[in-house]
């Protein structure tokens, strides 16, 4: 998720928000037992979910909602200041 999130950042996950908000957002998700943090967006009319990485080197993909688990929404993040 570089440049939004970088290695070592702290993220606060609201596990009560284990559903996709209509406006999307950044979520902790599981796909095939792999946990990751990605930006999610609903794609109409098929109601698929677009998984987006803020890192331009990783292409977006679309999947069916039943193929992913939303563990929670990222509601805050922070990082240590260098120097």
C-alpha atoms as a PDB file:
ATOM      1  CA  UNK A   1       0.000   0.000   0.000  1.00  0.00           C
ATOM      2  CA  UNK A   2       2.985   2.296  -0.492  1.00  0.00           C
ATOM      3  CA  UNK A   3       2.821   5.325  -0.481  1.00  0.00           C
ATOM      4  CA  UNK A   4      -0.216   5.380   1.854  1.00  0.00           C
ATOM      5  CA  UNK A   5       1.089   2.720   4.244  1.00  0.00           C
ATOM      6  CA  UNK A   6       4.697   1.635   4.565  1.00  0.00           C
ATOM      7  CA  UNK A   7       6.436  -1.181   6.411  1.00  0.00           C
ATOM      8  CA  UNK A   8       6.452  -0.487  10.147  1.00  0.00           C
ATOM      9  CA  UNK A   9       3.316   1.685  10.173  1.00  0.00           C
ATOM     10  CA  UNK A  10       0.764   1.068  12.903  1.00  0.00           C
ATOM     11  CA  UNK A  11      -2.836   0.621  11.773  1.00  0.00           C
ATOM     12  CA  UNK A  12      -5.995   0.596  13.864  1.00  0.00           C
ATOM     13  CA  UNK A  13      -8.563  -1.875  12.532  1.00  0.00           C
ATOM     14  CA  UNK A  14     -12.238  -1.521  13.476  1.00  0.00           C
ATOM     15  CA  UNK A  15     -13.287  -5.183  13.487  1.00  0.00           C
ATOM     16  CA  UNK A  16     -16.917  -4.110  13.882  1.00  0.00           C
ATOM     17  CA  UNK A  17     -16.809  -2.766  10.329  1.00  0.00           C
ATOM     18  CA  UNK A  18     -16.471  -6.169   8.671  1.00  0.00           C
ATOM     19  CA  UNK A  19     -18.583  -5.107   5.691  1.00  0.00           C
ATOM     20  CA  UNK A  20     -17.826  -2.904   2.700  1.00  0.00           C
ATOM     21  CA  UNK A  21     -19.082   0.669   3.017  1.00  0.00           C
ATOM     22  CA  UNK A  22     -20.688   1.966  -0.217  1.00  0.00           C
ATOM     23  CA  UNK A  23     -17.959   4.622  -0.504  1.00  0.00           C
ATOM     24  CA  UNK A  24     -15.210   2.001  -0.071  1.00  0.00           C
ATOM     25  CA  UNK A  25     -12.093   2.510   2.016  1.00  0.00           C
ATOM     26  CA  UNK A  26      -8.995   0.693   3.237  1.00  0.00           C
ATOM     27  CA  UNK A  27      -9.636  -2.705   4.818  1.00  0.00           C
ATOM     28  CA  UNK A  28      -7.848  -5.649   6.408  1.00  0.00           C
ATOM     29  CA  UNK A  29      -8.965  -8.607   4.285  1.00  0.00           C
ATOM     30  CA  UNK A  30      -8.345 -12.325   3.891  1.00  0.00           C
ATOM     31  CA  UNK A  31      -8.196 -14.161   0.577  1.00  0.00           C
ATOM     32  CA  UNK A  32      -7.262 -17.841   0.527  1.00  0.00           C
ATOM     33  CA  UNK A  33      -5.939 -17.590   4.127  1.00  0.00           C
ATOM     34  CA  UNK A  34      -3.664 -14.645   3.233  1.00  0.00           C
ATOM     35  CA  UNK A  35      -4.205 -11.471   5.255  1.00  0.00           C
ATOM     36  CA  UNK A  36      -3.542  -8.148   3.570  1.00  0.00           C
ATOM     37  CA  UNK A  37      -4.478  -4.479   3.711  1.00  0.00           C
ATOM     38  CA  UNK A  38      -6.015  -3.128   0.515  1.00  0.00           C
ATOM     39  CA  UNK A  39      -8.360  -0.444  -0.743  1.00  0.00           C
ATOM     40  CA  UNK A  40     -11.784  -1.871  -1.676  1.00  0.00           C
ATOM     41  CA  UNK A  41     -14.449  -0.550  -4.021  1.00  0.00           C
ATOM     42  CA  UNK A  42     -17.829  -1.932  -5.118  1.00  0.00           C
ATOM     43  CA  UNK A  43     -18.102  -2.417  -8.884  1.00  0.00           C
ATOM     44  CA  UNK A  44     -21.586  -2.110 -10.331  1.00  0.00           C
ATOM     45  CA  UNK A  45     -23.663  -3.564 -11.947  1.00  0.00           C
ATOM     46  CA  UNK A  46     -22.156  -6.988 -11.195  1.00  0.00           C
ATOM     47  CA  UNK A  47     -21.573  -6.140  -7.527  1.00  0.00           C
ATOM     48  CA  UNK A  48     -18.021  -7.450  -7.672  1.00  0.00           C
ATOM     49  CA  UNK A  49     -15.379  -6.010  -5.378  1.00  0.00           C
ATOM     50  CA  UNK A  50     -12.345  -4.257  -6.791  1.00  0.00           C
ATOM     51  CA  UNK A  51      -9.184  -4.787  -4.737  1.00  0.00           C
ATOM     52  CA  UNK A  52      -6.824  -1.870  -5.218  1.00  0.00           C
ATOM     53  CA  UNK A  53      -3.244  -1.445  -4.067  1.00  0.00           C
ATOM     54  CA  UNK A  54      -1.999   2.131  -3.760  1.00  0.00           C
ATOM     55  CA  UNK A  55       1.343   0.793  -5.043  1.00  0.00           C
ATOM     56  CA  UNK A  56       1.232   1.292  -8.814  1.00  0.00           C
ATOM     57  CA  UNK A  57       3.281  -1.876  -9.391  1.00  0.00           C
ATOM     58  CA  UNK A  58       0.384  -4.091  -8.269  1.00  0.00           C
ATOM     59  CA  UNK A  59      -2.616  -4.153 -10.611  1.00  0.00           C
ATOM     60  CA  UNK A  60      -6.181  -3.994  -9.325  1.00  0.00           C
ATOM     61  CA  UNK A  61      -8.276  -7.147  -9.437  1.00  0.00           C
ATOM     62  CA  UNK A  62     -11.998  -7.829  -9.228  1.00  0.00           C
ATOM     63  CA  UNK A  63     -13.438 -10.723  -7.248  1.00  0.00           C
ATOM     64  CA  UNK A  64     -16.781 -11.999  -6.092  1.00  0.00           C
ATOM     65  CA  UNK A  65     -17.750 -10.906  -2.543  1.00  0.00           C
ATOM     66  CA  UNK A  66     -17.946 -14.532  -1.385  1.00  0.00           C
ATOM     67  CA  UNK A  67     -14.269 -15.037  -2.271  1.00  0.00           C
ATOM     68  CA  UNK A  68     -13.015 -12.631   0.373  1.00  0.00           C
ATOM     69  CA  UNK A  69     -13.364 -12.026   4.096  1.00  0.00           C
ATOM     70  CA  UNK A  70     -13.382  -8.460   5.406  1.00  0.00           C
ATOM     71  CA  UNK A  71     -11.690  -8.524   8.811  1.00  0.00           C
ATOM     72  CA  UNK A  72     -12.234  -4.822   9.497  1.00  0.00           C
ATOM     73  CA  UNK A  73     -11.793  -1.279   8.234  1.00  0.00           C
ATOM     74  CA  UNK A  74      -8.589   0.704   8.768  1.00  0.00           C
ATOM     75  CA  UNK A  75      -9.724   3.802  10.661  1.00  0.00           C
ATOM     76  CA  UNK A  76      -6.329   5.239  11.673  1.00  0.00           C
ATOM     77  CA  UNK A  77      -2.666   4.784  10.911  1.00  0.00           C
ATOM     78  CA  UNK A  78       0.553   6.347  12.125  1.00  0.00           C
ATOM     79  CA  UNK A  79       4.275   6.086  11.710  1.00  0.00           C
ATOM     80  CA  UNK A  80       7.383   6.948  13.646  1.00  0.00           C
ATOM     81  CA  UNK A  81       9.131  10.151  12.660  1.00  0.00           C
ATOM     82  CA  UNK A  82      12.709   9.600  11.465  1.00  0.00           C
ATOM     83  CA  UNK A  83      15.389  12.022  12.562  1.00  0.00           C
END
